[in-house]
C-alpha atoms as a PDB file:
ATOM      1  CA  LEU A   1       0.000   0.000   0.000  1.00  0.00           C
ATOM      2  CA  LEU A   2       2.723   2.486   0.906  1.00  0.00           C
ATOM      3  CA  GLY A   3       5.179   1.187  -1.682  1.00  0.00           C
ATOM      4  CA  GLY A   4       3.933   3.373  -4.505  1.00  0.00           C
ATOM      5  CA  SER A   5       3.632   6.563  -2.464  1.00  0.00           C
ATOM      6  CA  THR A   6       6.992   6.025  -0.774  1.00  0.00           C
ATOM      7  CA  MET A   7       8.664   5.515  -4.131  1.00  0.00           C
ATOM      8  CA  ALA A   8       7.060   8.682  -5.488  1.00  0.00           C
ATOM      9  CA  PHE A   9       8.227  10.563  -2.396  1.00  0.00           C
ATOM     10  CA  PHE A  10      11.837   9.457  -2.869  1.00  0.00           C
ATOM     11  CA  LYS A  11      11.662  10.327  -6.569  1.00  0.00           C
ATOM     12  CA  LEU A  12      10.461  13.813  -5.624  1.00  0.00           C
ATOM     13  CA  ILE A  13      13.313  14.284  -3.141  1.00  0.00           C
ATOM     14  CA  GLY A  14      15.953  13.096  -5.587  1.00  0.00           C
ATOM     15  CA  ARG A  15      19.433  11.835  -4.892  1.00  0.00           C
ATOM     16  CA  CYS A  16      20.578  14.706  -2.656  1.00  0.00           C
ATOM     17  CA  ALA A  17      18.305  14.575   0.363  1.00  0.00           C
ATOM     18  CA  GLY A  18      20.858  16.322   2.582  1.00  0.00           C
ATOM     19  CA  LEU A  19      20.987  19.405   0.397  1.00  0.00           C
ATOM     20  CA  LEU A  20      17.208  19.512   0.242  1.00  0.00           C
ATOM     21  CA  LEU A  21      17.007  19.307   4.020  1.00  0.00           C
ATOM     22  CA  LEU A  22      19.558  22.115   4.423  1.00  0.00           C
ATOM     23  CA  ALA A  23      17.702  24.310   1.941  1.00  0.00           C
ATOM     24  CA  VAL A  24      14.328  23.827   3.613  1.00  0.00           C
ATOM     25  CA  LEU A  25      15.842  24.284   7.076  1.00  0.00           C
ATOM     26  CA  CYS A  26      17.578  27.506   6.013  1.00  0.00           C
ATOM     27  CA  ASP A  27      14.311  28.781   4.531  1.00  0.00           C
ATOM     28  CA  VAL A  28      12.256  27.995   7.625  1.00  0.00           C
ATOM     29  CA  ILE A  29      14.753  29.446  10.100  1.00  0.00           C
ATOM     30  CA  GLY A  30      15.314  32.466   7.849  1.00  0.00           C
ATOM     31  CA  LEU A  31      11.587  33.206   7.552  1.00  0.00           C
ATOM     32  CA  ILE A  32      11.020  32.820  11.284  1.00  0.00           C
ATOM     33  CA  THR A  33      13.952  35.123  12.047  1.00  0.00           C
ATOM     34  CA  LEU A  34      12.873  37.663   9.439  1.00  0.00           C
ATOM     35  CA  PHE A  35       9.279  37.782  10.691  1.00  0.00           C
ATOM     36  CA  LEU A  36      10.518  37.983  14.280  1.00  0.00           C
ATOM     37  CA  GLY A  37      12.542  41.054  13.374  1.00  0.00           C
ATOM     38  CA  ILE A  38       9.649  42.642  11.484  1.00  0.00           C
ATOM     39  CA  PHE A  39       6.734  41.983  13.836  1.00  0.00           C
ATOM     40  CA  ALA A  40       8.216  41.588  17.345  1.00  0.00           C
ATOM     41  CA  PRO A  41       8.754  44.765  19.362  1.00  0.00           C
ATOM     42  CA  LEU A  42      12.493  44.281  19.872  1.00  0.00           C
ATOM     43  CA  SER A  43      15.202  46.891  20.259  1.00  0.00           C
ATOM     44  CA  SER A  44      17.584  44.873  18.069  1.00  0.00           C
ATOM     45  CA  TRP A  45      15.072  44.297  15.275  1.00  0.00           C
ATOM     46  CA  ASP A  46      17.611  45.095  12.549  1.00  0.00           C
ATOM     47  CA  PHE A  47      19.812  42.155  13.549  1.00  0.00           C
ATOM     48  CA  PHE A  48      16.925  39.722  13.084  1.00  0.00           C
ATOM     49  CA  VAL A  49      15.813  41.272   9.793  1.00  0.00           C
ATOM     50  CA  TYR A  50      19.324  41.148   8.348  1.00  0.00           C
ATOM     51  CA  LEU A  51      20.010  37.652   9.686  1.00  0.00           C
ATOM     52  CA  GLY A  52      16.741  36.329   8.260  1.00  0.00           C
ATOM     53  CA  ALA A  53      17.430  37.896   4.878  1.00  0.00           C
ATOM     54  CA  LEU A  54      20.967  36.492   4.904  1.00  0.00           C
ATOM     55  CA  LEU A  55      19.704  32.993   5.710  1.00  0.00           C
ATOM     56  CA  LEU A  56      17.125  33.182   2.931  1.00  0.00           C
ATOM     57  CA  ALA A  57      19.752  34.361   0.455  1.00  0.00           C
ATOM     58  CA  SER A  58      22.225  31.657   1.481  1.00  0.00           C
ATOM     59  CA  SER A  59      19.565  28.969   1.117  1.00  0.00           C
ATOM     60  CA  LEU A  60      19.595  29.694  -2.608  1.00  0.00           C
ATOM     61  CA  VAL A  61      23.038  28.068  -2.755  1.00  0.00           C
ATOM     62  CA  PHE A  62      21.573  24.843  -1.369  1.00  0.00           C
ATOM     63  CA  TRP A  63      18.544  24.977  -3.697  1.00  0.00           C
ATOM     64  CA  ILE A  64      20.716  25.521  -6.770  1.00  0.00           C
ATOM     65  CA  SER A  65      23.098  22.743  -5.705  1.00  0.00           C
ATOM     66  CA  TRP A  66      20.223  20.330  -5.069  1.00  0.00           C
ATOM     67  CA  TYR A  67      18.644  21.081  -8.434  1.00  0.00           C
ATOM     68  CA  THR A  68      21.937  20.879 -10.333  1.00  0.00           C
ATOM     69  CA  LEU A  69      22.978  17.579  -8.771  1.00  0.00           C
ATOM     70  CA  ASN A  70      19.585  16.022  -9.572  1.00  0.00           C
ATOM     71  CA  ILE A  71      19.726  16.648 -13.321  1.00  0.00           C
ATOM     72  CA  GLU A  72      19.846  13.324 -15.122  1.00  0.00           C
ATOM     73  CA  VAL A  73      21.374  13.145 -18.588  1.00  0.00           C
ATOM     74  CA  PRO A  74      21.284   9.836 -20.495  1.00  0.00           C
ATOM     75  CA  PHE A  75      24.673   8.337 -21.337  1.00  0.00           C
ATOM     76  CA  ARG A  76      23.823   8.412 -25.055  1.00  0.00           C
ATOM     77  CA  GLU A  77      23.692  12.222 -24.977  1.00  0.00           C
ATOM     78  CA  LEU A  78      27.021  12.339 -23.157  1.00  0.00           C
ATOM     79  CA  GLY A  79      28.704  10.228 -25.809  1.00  0.00           C
ATOM     80  CA  PHE A  80      29.272   7.090 -23.700  1.00  0.00           C
END
């Protein structure tokens, strides 16, 4: 029963599950930090806004790496 859905889940994740986890984790922590800096009445709000934006920007490195490492090219097109 779960065999088909589990297989589809692993196909969606791809071969680089660690990079996907880092990207999602960076996004979640970055958004929480950014919204904390925007909406919480803190005296050091700028630190949280900048840190959240920096985490969101750095997560792009993980997203690009995950996408690039999951591209599959057939051996025929590579000349093997």
